[in-house]
Amino acid sequence: MHTDIKEEFYLDQTFDSVAHAKRPTKKAINLYNEVRLHLSLDYKIPNRYIN
């Protein structure tokens, strides 16, 4: 997983199991692609930049 995502969304912790990691990981990826603005994309979100 990308270091920025791990640090920004607090996923750099140790989870008890894969099942415990799935929900926060999915939430972080959704925020990264649907909410977070990206400088390299002219301050657009990835999913809107692509479409």
PDB file of N, CA and C in Angstrom:
ATOM      1  N   MET A   1       0.844  -1.169   0.000  1.00  0.00           N
ATOM      2  CA  MET A   1       0.000   0.000   0.000  1.00  0.00           C
ATOM      3  C   MET A   1       0.890   1.232   0.000  1.00  0.00           C
ATOM      4  N   HIS A   2       0.450   2.254  -0.671  1.00  0.00           N
ATOM      5  CA  HIS A   2       1.190   3.502  -0.788  1.00  0.00           C
ATOM      6  C   HIS A   2       1.395   4.128   0.592  1.00  0.00           C
ATOM      7  N   THR A   3       2.605   4.603   0.862  1.00  0.00           N
ATOM      8  CA  THR A   3       2.942   5.163   2.169  1.00  0.00           C
ATOM      9  C   THR A   3       2.048   6.339   2.538  1.00  0.00           C
ATOM     10  N   ASP A   4       1.739   7.218   1.582  1.00  0.00           N
ATOM     11  CA  ASP A   4       0.877   8.366   1.878  1.00  0.00           C
ATOM     12  C   ASP A   4      -0.476   7.925   2.409  1.00  0.00           C
ATOM     13  N   ILE A   5      -1.052   6.920   1.802  1.00  0.00           N
ATOM     14  CA  ILE A   5      -2.358   6.426   2.236  1.00  0.00           C
ATOM     15  C   ILE A   5      -2.245   5.835   3.640  1.00  0.00           C
ATOM     16  N   LYS A   6      -1.222   5.050   3.873  1.00  0.00           N
ATOM     17  CA  LYS A   6      -1.050   4.424   5.189  1.00  0.00           C
ATOM     18  C   LYS A   6      -0.930   5.473   6.284  1.00  0.00           C
ATOM     19  N   GLU A   7      -0.119   6.485   6.058  1.00  0.00           N
ATOM     20  CA  GLU A   7       0.096   7.503   7.083  1.00  0.00           C
ATOM     21  C   GLU A   7      -1.095   8.445   7.216  1.00  0.00           C
ATOM     22  N   GLU A   8      -1.628   8.883   6.107  1.00  0.00           N
ATOM     23  CA  GLU A   8      -2.725   9.856   6.133  1.00  0.00           C
ATOM     24  C   GLU A   8      -4.004   9.285   6.737  1.00  0.00           C
ATOM     25  N   PHE A   9      -4.259   8.024   6.502  1.00  0.00           N
ATOM     26  CA  PHE A   9      -5.492   7.408   6.979  1.00  0.00           C
ATOM     27  C   PHE A   9      -5.250   6.420   8.125  1.00  0.00           C
ATOM     28  N   TYR A  10      -4.088   6.539   8.767  1.00  0.00           N
ATOM     29  CA  TYR A  10      -3.763   5.753   9.967  1.00  0.00           C
ATOM     30  C   TYR A  10      -3.845   4.239   9.736  1.00  0.00           C
ATOM     31  N   LEU A  11      -3.371   3.809   8.587  1.00  0.00           N
ATOM     32  CA  LEU A  11      -3.361   2.379   8.297  1.00  0.00           C
ATOM     33  C   LEU A  11      -1.986   1.767   8.541  1.00  0.00           C
ATOM     34  N   ASP A  12      -1.109   2.527   9.175  1.00  0.00           N
ATOM     35  CA  ASP A  12       0.232   2.013   9.449  1.00  0.00           C
ATOM     36  C   ASP A  12       0.285   1.279  10.789  1.00  0.00           C
ATOM     37  N   GLN A  13      -0.859   0.876  11.273  1.00  0.00           N
ATOM     38  CA  GLN A  13      -0.949   0.097  12.502  1.00  0.00           C
ATOM     39  C   GLN A  13      -0.983  -1.396  12.179  1.00  0.00           C
ATOM     40  N   THR A  14      -0.869  -2.204  13.187  1.00  0.00           N
ATOM     41  CA  THR A  14      -0.962  -3.648  13.008  1.00  0.00           C
ATOM     42  C   THR A  14      -2.384  -4.086  13.330  1.00  0.00           C
ATOM     43  N   PHE A  15      -2.993  -4.776  12.398  1.00  0.00           N
ATOM     44  CA  PHE A  15      -4.352  -5.276  12.590  1.00  0.00           C
ATOM     45  C   PHE A  15      -4.299  -6.719  13.074  1.00  0.00           C
ATOM     46  N   ASP A  16      -5.327  -7.119  13.809  1.00  0.00           N
ATOM     47  CA  ASP A  16      -5.394  -8.482  14.342  1.00  0.00           C
ATOM     48  C   ASP A  16      -5.536  -9.525  13.245  1.00  0.00           C
ATOM     49  N   SER A  17      -6.202  -9.136  12.160  1.00  0.00           N
ATOM     50  CA  SER A  17      -6.435 -10.083  11.071  1.00  0.00           C
ATOM     51  C   SER A  17      -6.733  -9.314   9.792  1.00  0.00           C
ATOM     52  N   VAL A  18      -6.751 -10.030   8.695  1.00  0.00           N
ATOM     53  CA  VAL A  18      -7.109  -9.424   7.413  1.00  0.00           C
ATOM     54  C   VAL A  18      -8.534  -8.883   7.482  1.00  0.00           C
ATOM     55  N   ALA A  19      -9.412  -9.614   8.118  1.00  0.00           N
ATOM     56  CA  ALA A  19     -10.806  -9.180   8.239  1.00  0.00           C
ATOM     57  C   ALA A  19     -10.908  -7.831   8.954  1.00  0.00           C
ATOM     58  N   HIS A  20     -10.095  -7.627   9.987  1.00  0.00           N
ATOM     59  CA  HIS A  20     -10.113  -6.360  10.713  1.00  0.00           C
ATOM     60  C   HIS A  20      -9.518  -5.218   9.888  1.00  0.00           C
ATOM     61  N   ALA A  21      -8.669  -5.528   8.946  1.00  0.00           N
ATOM     62  CA  ALA A  21      -8.029  -4.499   8.124  1.00  0.00           C
ATOM     63  C   ALA A  21      -8.877  -4.087   6.931  1.00  0.00           C
ATOM     64  N   LYS A  22      -9.772  -4.945   6.487  1.00  0.00           N
ATOM     65  CA  LYS A  22     -10.520  -4.679   5.255  1.00  0.00           C
ATOM     66  C   LYS A  22     -11.362  -3.411   5.305  1.00  0.00           C
ATOM     67  N   ARG A  23     -12.143  -3.231   6.354  1.00  0.00           N
ATOM     68  CA  ARG A  23     -13.054  -2.083   6.412  1.00  0.00           C
ATOM     69  C   ARG A  23     -12.305  -0.747   6.408  1.00  0.00           C
ATOM     70  N   PRO A  24     -11.319  -0.537   7.294  1.00  0.00           N
ATOM     71  CA  PRO A  24     -10.609   0.743   7.257  1.00  0.00           C
ATOM     72  C   PRO A  24      -9.825   0.955   5.962  1.00  0.00           C
ATOM     73  N   THR A  25      -9.342  -0.127   5.367  1.00  0.00           N
ATOM     74  CA  THR A  25      -8.613  -0.001   4.108  1.00  0.00           C
ATOM     75  C   THR A  25      -9.546   0.425   2.987  1.00  0.00           C
ATOM     76  N   LYS A  26     -10.709  -0.193   2.892  1.00  0.00           N
ATOM     77  CA  LYS A  26     -11.688   0.197   1.869  1.00  0.00           C
ATOM     78  C   LYS A  26     -12.121   1.645   2.052  1.00  0.00           C
ATOM     79  N   LYS A  27     -12.326   2.051   3.304  1.00  0.00           N
ATOM     80  CA  LYS A  27     -12.733   3.423   3.591  1.00  0.00           C
ATOM     81  C   LYS A  27     -11.638   4.401   3.167  1.00  0.00           C
ATOM     82  N   ALA A  28     -10.390   4.085   3.464  1.00  0.00           N
ATOM     83  CA  ALA A  28      -9.272   4.954   3.108  1.00  0.00           C
ATOM     84  C   ALA A  28      -9.124   5.076   1.600  1.00  0.00           C
ATOM     85  N   ILE A  29      -9.253   3.980   0.887  1.00  0.00           N
ATOM     86  CA  ILE A  29      -9.141   4.012  -0.572  1.00  0.00           C
ATOM     87  C   ILE A  29     -10.271   4.836  -1.169  1.00  0.00           C
ATOM     88  N   ASN A  30     -11.472   4.688  -0.628  1.00  0.00           N
ATOM     89  CA  ASN A  30     -12.602   5.481  -1.105  1.00  0.00           C
ATOM     90  C   ASN A  30     -12.354   6.974  -0.867  1.00  0.00           C
ATOM     91  N   LEU A  31     -11.905   7.338   0.315  1.00  0.00           N
ATOM     92  CA  LEU A  31     -11.604   8.745   0.597  1.00  0.00           C
ATOM     93  C   LEU A  31     -10.507   9.267  -0.323  1.00  0.00           C
ATOM     94  N   TYR A  32      -9.501   8.455  -0.556  1.00  0.00           N
ATOM     95  CA  TYR A  32      -8.383   8.849  -1.413  1.00  0.00           C
ATOM     96  C   TYR A  32      -8.847   9.102  -2.846  1.00  0.00           C
ATOM     97  N   ASN A  33      -9.758   8.282  -3.349  1.00  0.00           N
ATOM     98  CA  ASN A  33     -10.202   8.386  -4.737  1.00  0.00           C
ATOM     99  C   ASN A  33     -11.431   9.262  -4.943  1.00  0.00           C
ATOM    100  N   GLU A  34     -12.242   9.458  -3.901  1.00  0.00           N
ATOM    101  CA  GLU A  34     -13.511  10.168  -4.049  1.00  0.00           C
ATOM    102  C   GLU A  34     -13.562  11.528  -3.354  1.00  0.00           C
ATOM    103  N   VAL A  35     -12.670  11.772  -2.390  1.00  0.00           N
ATOM    104  CA  VAL A  35     -12.773  12.986  -1.585  1.00  0.00           C
ATOM    105  C   VAL A  35     -11.496  13.828  -1.639  1.00  0.00           C
ATOM    106  N   ARG A  36     -10.364  13.181  -1.477  1.00  0.00           N
ATOM    107  CA  ARG A  36      -9.088  13.888  -1.332  1.00  0.00           C
ATOM    108  C   ARG A  36      -8.657  14.526  -2.652  1.00  0.00           C
ATOM    109  N   LEU A  37      -8.351  15.822  -2.582  1.00  0.00           N
ATOM    110  CA  LEU A  37      -7.856  16.531  -3.758  1.00  0.00           C
ATOM    111  C   LEU A  37      -6.374  16.211  -3.948  1.00  0.00           C
ATOM    112  N   HIS A  38      -5.940  16.126  -5.206  1.00  0.00           N
ATOM    113  CA  HIS A  38      -4.561  15.759  -5.524  1.00  0.00           C
ATOM    114  C   HIS A  38      -3.885  16.876  -6.310  1.00  0.00           C
ATOM    115  N   LEU A  39      -2.782  17.350  -5.789  1.00  0.00           N
ATOM    116  CA  LEU A  39      -2.029  18.412  -6.441  1.00  0.00           C
ATOM    117  C   LEU A  39      -1.645  18.026  -7.865  1.00  0.00           C
ATOM    118  N   SER A  40      -1.190  16.805  -8.055  1.00  0.00           N
ATOM    119  CA  SER A  40      -0.734  16.361  -9.376  1.00  0.00           C
ATOM    120  C   SER A  40      -1.867  16.267 -10.398  1.00  0.00           C
ATOM    121  N   LEU A  41      -3.106  16.335  -9.931  1.00  0.00           N
ATOM    122  CA  LEU A  41      -4.274  16.284 -10.824  1.00  0.00           C
ATOM    123  C   LEU A  41      -4.975  17.637 -10.852  1.00  0.00           C
ATOM    124  N   ASP A  42      -4.215  18.699 -10.665  1.00  0.00           N
ATOM    125  CA  ASP A  42      -4.771  20.058 -10.636  1.00  0.00           C
ATOM    126  C   ASP A  42      -5.876  20.200  -9.599  1.00  0.00           C
ATOM    127  N   TYR A  43      -5.634  19.646  -8.435  1.00  0.00           N
ATOM    128  CA  TYR A  43      -6.565  19.704  -7.302  1.00  0.00           C
ATOM    129  C   TYR A  43      -7.931  19.118  -7.622  1.00  0.00           C
ATOM    130  N   LYS A  44      -7.911  18.021  -8.350  1.00  0.00           N
ATOM    131  CA  LYS A  44      -9.131  17.260  -8.620  1.00  0.00           C
ATOM    132  C   LYS A  44      -9.010  15.919  -7.911  1.00  0.00           C
ATOM    133  N   ILE A  45     -10.144  15.254  -7.748  1.00  0.00           N
ATOM    134  CA  ILE A  45     -10.101  13.914  -7.181  1.00  0.00           C
ATOM    135  C   ILE A  45      -9.880  12.925  -8.323  1.00  0.00           C
ATOM    136  N   PRO A  46      -9.176  11.824  -8.082  1.00  0.00           N
ATOM    137  CA  PRO A  46      -8.830  10.895  -9.155  1.00  0.00           C
ATOM    138  C   PRO A  46     -10.016  10.411  -9.991  1.00  0.00           C
ATOM    139  N   ASN A  47     -11.095  10.023  -9.357  1.00  0.00           N
ATOM    140  CA  ASN A  47     -12.219   9.487 -10.127  1.00  0.00           C
ATOM    141  C   ASN A  47     -12.867  10.532 -11.022  1.00  0.00           C
ATOM    142  N   ARG A  48     -12.847  11.784 -10.636  1.00  0.00           N
ATOM    143  CA  ARG A  48     -13.399  12.843 -11.494  1.00  0.00           C
ATOM    144  C   ARG A  48     -12.401  13.237 -12.574  1.00  0.00           C
ATOM    145  N   TYR A  49     -11.126  13.148 -12.265  1.00  0.00           N
ATOM    146  CA  TYR A  49     -10.098  13.482 -13.247  1.00  0.00           C
ATOM    147  C   TYR A  49     -10.129  12.490 -14.406  1.00  0.00           C
ATOM    148  N   ILE A  50     -10.320  11.221 -14.090  1.00  0.00           N
ATOM    149  CA  ILE A  50     -10.352  10.170 -15.114  1.00  0.00           C
ATOM    150  C   ILE A  50     -11.596  10.292 -15.978  1.00  0.00           C
ATOM    151  N   ASN A  51     -12.722  10.559 -15.357  1.00  0.00           N
ATOM    152  CA  ASN A  51     -13.986  10.642 -16.089  1.00  0.00           C
ATOM    153  C   ASN A  51     -14.132  12.026 -16.605  1.00  0.00           C
TER     154      ASN A  51
END
